[in-house]
Amino acid sequence: LLDHIRDEIGEVFRGALKEYPASLEEFKKVINRYPKSRKVPDAYYKRGLTYLRIKDPRRAALEFEKLIENHPKHDYLKKPKKNFGLSTGLELKKQTTLLFL
């Protein structure tokens, strides 16, 4: 239950309040405090989106890479065109890798 609450707090900070550092911190708490939670993949994804919003694509790529590596069968990766604007999960992996070259 606390993992869901932290996730919702992160969403409020990210969305309505536009308090991006606080949002990133709340999603990080989900990842660190509740590593077995179903909310962890969401937290990586939302951290990636938040970094994109603050124009930090390198950190966004790191978060998306963690999502790919740790949760390769997650729903976000089943629909990469909808969620990332890419046609396949492999294409997402290639795009995130290119950011590190």
N, C-alpha and C. Protein backbone atom coordinates (compact mmCIF):
# COMPACT_ATOMS: atom_id res chain seq x y z
N LEU A 1 0.82 -1.20 0.00
CA LEU A 1 0.00 0.00 0.00
C LEU A 1 0.86 1.26 0.00
N LEU A 2 1.94 1.27 0.79
CA LEU A 2 2.79 2.45 0.86
C LEU A 2 3.48 2.73 -0.47
N ASP A 3 3.79 1.67 -1.21
CA ASP A 3 4.40 1.87 -2.52
C ASP A 3 3.45 2.60 -3.46
N HIS A 4 2.19 2.27 -3.40
CA HIS A 4 1.18 2.94 -4.23
C HIS A 4 1.02 4.41 -3.81
N ILE A 5 1.07 4.65 -2.53
CA ILE A 5 0.95 6.02 -2.03
C ILE A 5 2.14 6.86 -2.50
N ARG A 6 3.35 6.31 -2.37
CA ARG A 6 4.55 7.02 -2.84
C ARG A 6 4.44 7.31 -4.34
N ASP A 7 3.95 6.34 -5.10
CA ASP A 7 3.79 6.52 -6.54
C ASP A 7 2.82 7.66 -6.83
N GLU A 8 1.72 7.70 -6.11
CA GLU A 8 0.73 8.76 -6.31
C GLU A 8 1.28 10.13 -5.91
N ILE A 9 2.05 10.16 -4.83
CA ILE A 9 2.67 11.42 -4.42
C ILE A 9 3.61 11.91 -5.54
N GLY A 10 4.39 10.98 -6.08
CA GLY A 10 5.28 11.32 -7.18
C GLY A 10 4.52 11.87 -8.38
N GLU A 11 3.38 11.28 -8.65
CA GLU A 11 2.54 11.75 -9.77
C GLU A 11 2.03 13.16 -9.53
N VAL A 12 1.63 13.45 -8.31
CA VAL A 12 1.13 14.80 -7.99
C VAL A 12 2.27 15.81 -8.16
N PHE A 13 3.46 15.49 -7.65
CA PHE A 13 4.59 16.38 -7.81
C PHE A 13 4.94 16.59 -9.29
N ARG A 14 4.90 15.51 -10.06
CA ARG A 14 5.28 15.57 -11.48
C ARG A 14 4.23 16.28 -12.31
N GLY A 15 2.97 16.02 -12.03
CA GLY A 15 1.90 16.55 -12.85
C GLY A 15 1.44 17.93 -12.43
N ALA A 16 0.56 17.98 -11.49
CA ALA A 16 -0.10 19.23 -11.10
C ALA A 16 0.87 20.26 -10.54
N LEU A 17 1.82 19.83 -9.72
CA LEU A 17 2.70 20.78 -9.05
C LEU A 17 3.96 21.13 -9.85
N LYS A 18 4.31 20.27 -10.80
CA LYS A 18 5.52 20.47 -11.60
C LYS A 18 6.77 20.63 -10.72
N GLU A 19 6.79 19.90 -9.64
CA GLU A 19 7.94 19.87 -8.73
C GLU A 19 8.75 18.62 -9.09
N TYR A 20 9.56 18.75 -10.14
CA TYR A 20 10.22 17.58 -10.71
C TYR A 20 11.26 16.93 -9.79
N PRO A 21 12.09 17.69 -9.07
CA PRO A 21 13.02 17.02 -8.15
C PRO A 21 12.29 16.20 -7.07
N ALA A 22 11.22 16.75 -6.54
CA ALA A 22 10.44 16.02 -5.52
C ALA A 22 9.81 14.77 -6.13
N SER A 23 9.35 14.90 -7.35
CA SER A 23 8.77 13.76 -8.05
C SER A 23 9.80 12.65 -8.23
N LEU A 24 10.98 13.02 -8.70
CA LEU A 24 12.05 12.03 -8.90
C LEU A 24 12.39 11.33 -7.59
N GLU A 25 12.40 12.08 -6.52
CA GLU A 25 12.72 11.52 -5.21
C GLU A 25 11.64 10.52 -4.75
N GLU A 26 10.38 10.85 -4.97
CA GLU A 26 9.30 9.93 -4.57
C GLU A 26 9.37 8.62 -5.36
N PHE A 27 9.62 8.72 -6.66
CA PHE A 27 9.72 7.50 -7.47
C PHE A 27 10.95 6.68 -7.06
N LYS A 28 12.02 7.37 -6.69
CA LYS A 28 13.23 6.68 -6.21
C LYS A 28 12.91 5.91 -4.93
N LYS A 29 12.10 6.51 -4.06
CA LYS A 29 11.71 5.82 -2.82
C LYS A 29 10.95 4.54 -3.12
N VAL A 30 10.10 4.57 -4.13
CA VAL A 30 9.38 3.35 -4.51
C VAL A 30 10.38 2.28 -4.89
N ILE A 31 11.36 2.64 -5.71
CA ILE A 31 12.35 1.67 -6.19
C ILE A 31 13.20 1.13 -5.04
N ASN A 32 13.67 2.01 -4.18
CA ASN A 32 14.59 1.59 -3.11
C ASN A 32 13.91 0.94 -1.92
N ARG A 33 12.75 1.44 -1.54
CA ARG A 33 12.09 0.91 -0.35
C ARG A 33 11.21 -0.31 -0.62
N TYR A 34 10.74 -0.44 -1.84
CA TYR A 34 9.81 -1.52 -2.17
C TYR A 34 10.28 -2.24 -3.44
N PRO A 35 11.48 -2.82 -3.44
CA PRO A 35 12.05 -3.38 -4.67
C PRO A 35 11.24 -4.51 -5.31
N LYS A 36 10.38 -5.16 -4.56
CA LYS A 36 9.56 -6.26 -5.12
C LYS A 36 8.17 -5.78 -5.55
N SER A 37 7.92 -4.50 -5.41
CA SER A 37 6.61 -3.95 -5.73
C SER A 37 6.32 -3.95 -7.22
N ARG A 38 5.05 -4.08 -7.56
CA ARG A 38 4.62 -3.96 -8.96
C ARG A 38 4.76 -2.53 -9.46
N LYS A 39 4.98 -1.59 -8.55
CA LYS A 39 5.11 -0.19 -8.91
C LYS A 39 6.54 0.18 -9.34
N VAL A 40 7.49 -0.69 -9.12
CA VAL A 40 8.88 -0.38 -9.47
C VAL A 40 9.05 -0.11 -10.97
N PRO A 41 8.53 -0.95 -11.87
CA PRO A 41 8.66 -0.61 -13.30
C PRO A 41 8.02 0.74 -13.63
N ASP A 42 6.89 1.02 -13.03
CA ASP A 42 6.24 2.32 -13.23
C ASP A 42 7.16 3.45 -12.77
N ALA A 43 7.82 3.24 -11.65
CA ALA A 43 8.71 4.28 -11.12
C ALA A 43 9.87 4.55 -12.07
N TYR A 44 10.48 3.50 -12.64
CA TYR A 44 11.54 3.72 -13.63
C TYR A 44 11.01 4.48 -14.83
N TYR A 45 9.86 4.07 -15.31
CA TYR A 45 9.25 4.71 -16.47
C TYR A 45 8.94 6.18 -16.19
N LYS A 46 8.35 6.45 -15.05
CA LYS A 46 7.98 7.83 -14.71
C LYS A 46 9.20 8.69 -14.43
N ARG A 47 10.25 8.09 -13.87
CA ARG A 47 11.50 8.84 -13.71
C ARG A 47 12.06 9.19 -15.07
N GLY A 48 12.00 8.25 -16.01
CA GLY A 48 12.47 8.54 -17.36
C GLY A 48 11.69 9.67 -18.00
N LEU A 49 10.37 9.63 -17.88
CA LEU A 49 9.53 10.69 -18.44
C LEU A 49 9.83 12.04 -17.78
N THR A 50 10.06 12.01 -16.48
CA THR A 50 10.35 13.25 -15.76
C THR A 50 11.67 13.84 -16.23
N TYR A 51 12.68 12.99 -16.40
CA TYR A 51 13.96 13.50 -16.90
C TYR A 51 13.81 14.06 -18.31
N LEU A 52 12.98 13.44 -19.12
CA LEU A 52 12.73 14.01 -20.45
C LEU A 52 12.07 15.37 -20.33
N ARG A 53 11.15 15.50 -19.42
CA ARG A 53 10.44 16.77 -19.24
C ARG A 53 11.38 17.90 -18.81
N ILE A 54 12.40 17.56 -18.02
CA ILE A 54 13.35 18.59 -17.59
C ILE A 54 14.56 18.65 -18.53
N LYS A 55 14.41 18.05 -19.69
CA LYS A 55 15.42 18.12 -20.75
C LYS A 55 16.76 17.50 -20.34
N ASP A 56 16.68 16.31 -19.75
CA ASP A 56 17.88 15.56 -19.39
C ASP A 56 17.77 14.15 -20.00
N PRO A 57 17.96 14.06 -21.33
CA PRO A 57 17.76 12.77 -22.00
C PRO A 57 18.73 11.68 -21.57
N ARG A 58 19.91 12.07 -21.13
CA ARG A 58 20.88 11.06 -20.70
C ARG A 58 20.37 10.31 -19.46
N ARG A 59 19.88 11.05 -18.49
CA ARG A 59 19.34 10.40 -17.28
C ARG A 59 18.04 9.66 -17.60
N ALA A 60 17.26 10.22 -18.51
CA ALA A 60 16.03 9.52 -18.94
C ALA A 60 16.40 8.17 -19.53
N ALA A 61 17.42 8.16 -20.36
CA ALA A 61 17.85 6.90 -20.98
C ALA A 61 18.30 5.89 -19.94
N LEU A 62 18.97 6.36 -18.89
CA LEU A 62 19.39 5.44 -17.82
C LEU A 62 18.18 4.79 -17.15
N GLU A 63 17.14 5.58 -16.91
CA GLU A 63 15.94 5.03 -16.27
C GLU A 63 15.24 4.04 -17.19
N PHE A 64 15.13 4.38 -18.47
CA PHE A 64 14.49 3.47 -19.42
C PHE A 64 15.33 2.19 -19.57
N GLU A 65 16.64 2.33 -19.52
CA GLU A 65 17.52 1.17 -19.60
C GLU A 65 17.29 0.24 -18.40
N LYS A 66 17.12 0.82 -17.22
CA LYS A 66 16.84 0.00 -16.03
C LYS A 66 15.51 -0.72 -16.18
N LEU A 67 14.54 -0.05 -16.76
CA LEU A 67 13.25 -0.69 -17.02
C LEU A 67 13.43 -1.87 -17.96
N ILE A 68 14.18 -1.66 -19.04
CA ILE A 68 14.41 -2.73 -20.02
C ILE A 68 15.15 -3.90 -19.38
N GLU A 69 16.21 -3.60 -18.65
CA GLU A 69 17.05 -4.65 -18.07
C GLU A 69 16.34 -5.43 -16.96
N ASN A 70 15.65 -4.72 -16.09
CA ASN A 70 15.06 -5.36 -14.91
C ASN A 70 13.64 -5.87 -15.09
N HIS A 71 12.94 -5.34 -16.09
CA HIS A 71 11.53 -5.70 -16.29
C HIS A 71 11.22 -5.83 -17.79
N PRO A 72 11.93 -6.73 -18.48
CA PRO A 72 11.81 -6.80 -19.94
C PRO A 72 10.42 -7.19 -20.46
N LYS A 73 9.57 -7.74 -19.62
CA LYS A 73 8.24 -8.16 -20.07
C LYS A 73 7.14 -7.20 -19.62
N HIS A 74 7.54 -6.04 -19.11
CA HIS A 74 6.55 -5.10 -18.61
C HIS A 74 5.70 -4.55 -19.74
N ASP A 75 4.48 -4.17 -19.40
CA ASP A 75 3.53 -3.66 -20.40
C ASP A 75 4.06 -2.47 -21.17
N TYR A 76 4.84 -1.60 -20.53
CA TYR A 76 5.38 -0.44 -21.24
C TYR A 76 6.24 -0.87 -22.43
N LEU A 77 6.91 -2.01 -22.29
CA LEU A 77 7.79 -2.48 -23.36
C LEU A 77 7.04 -3.30 -24.41
N LYS A 78 5.82 -3.70 -24.11
CA LYS A 78 5.01 -4.41 -25.10
C LYS A 78 4.42 -3.46 -26.12
N LYS A 79 4.31 -2.18 -25.77
CA LYS A 79 3.74 -1.18 -26.67
C LYS A 79 4.69 0.01 -26.79
N PRO A 80 5.91 -0.23 -27.32
CA PRO A 80 6.89 0.86 -27.35
C PRO A 80 6.49 2.03 -28.22
N LYS A 81 5.70 1.80 -29.27
CA LYS A 81 5.29 2.92 -30.12
C LYS A 81 4.41 3.88 -29.33
N LYS A 82 3.47 3.32 -28.58
CA LYS A 82 2.57 4.15 -27.79
C LYS A 82 3.31 4.84 -26.65
N ASN A 83 4.18 4.11 -25.97
CA ASN A 83 4.81 4.62 -24.76
C ASN A 83 6.11 5.40 -25.01
N PHE A 84 6.81 5.09 -26.10
CA PHE A 84 8.09 5.73 -26.35
C PHE A 84 8.20 6.33 -27.75
N GLY A 85 7.20 6.14 -28.60
CA GLY A 85 7.29 6.63 -29.96
C GLY A 85 8.19 5.78 -30.83
N LEU A 86 8.46 4.55 -30.42
CA LEU A 86 9.32 3.64 -31.17
C LEU A 86 8.54 2.39 -31.54
N SER A 87 9.04 1.70 -32.56
CA SER A 87 8.26 0.57 -33.07
C SER A 87 8.49 -0.73 -32.31
N THR A 88 9.65 -0.91 -31.70
CA THR A 88 9.92 -2.15 -30.98
C THR A 88 10.69 -1.87 -29.70
N GLY A 89 10.64 -2.83 -28.79
CA GLY A 89 11.45 -2.72 -27.58
C GLY A 89 12.93 -2.73 -27.91
N LEU A 90 13.34 -3.49 -28.94
CA LEU A 90 14.73 -3.52 -29.36
C LEU A 90 15.16 -2.14 -29.86
N GLU A 91 14.28 -1.46 -30.58
CA GLU A 91 14.58 -0.11 -31.06
C GLU A 91 14.76 0.84 -29.87
N LEU A 92 13.96 0.66 -28.84
CA LEU A 92 14.12 1.47 -27.64
C LEU A 92 15.49 1.24 -27.04
N LYS A 93 15.90 -0.01 -26.96
CA LYS A 93 17.21 -0.34 -26.40
C LYS A 93 18.31 0.31 -27.23
N LYS A 94 18.20 0.27 -28.55
CA LYS A 94 19.20 0.89 -29.43
C LYS A 94 19.24 2.40 -29.21
N GLN A 95 18.07 3.02 -29.10
CA GLN A 95 18.02 4.47 -28.90
C GLN A 95 18.64 4.88 -27.59
N THR A 96 18.38 4.14 -26.53
CA THR A 96 18.97 4.50 -25.24
C THR A 96 20.49 4.27 -25.27
N THR A 97 20.92 3.23 -25.96
CA THR A 97 22.36 2.96 -26.08
C THR A 97 23.04 4.10 -26.84
N LEU A 98 22.44 4.62 -27.87
CA LEU A 98 23.03 5.70 -28.66
C LEU A 98 23.28 6.96 -27.83
N LEU A 99 22.49 7.18 -26.82
CA LEU A 99 22.68 8.36 -25.99
C LEU A 99 23.98 8.30 -25.19
N PHE A 100 24.56 7.11 -25.07
CA PHE A 100 25.79 6.97 -24.28
C PHE A 100 27.04 6.99 -25.14
N LEU A 101 26.89 7.04 -26.46
CA LEU A 101 28.06 7.04 -27.36
C LEU A 101 28.69 8.40 -27.46
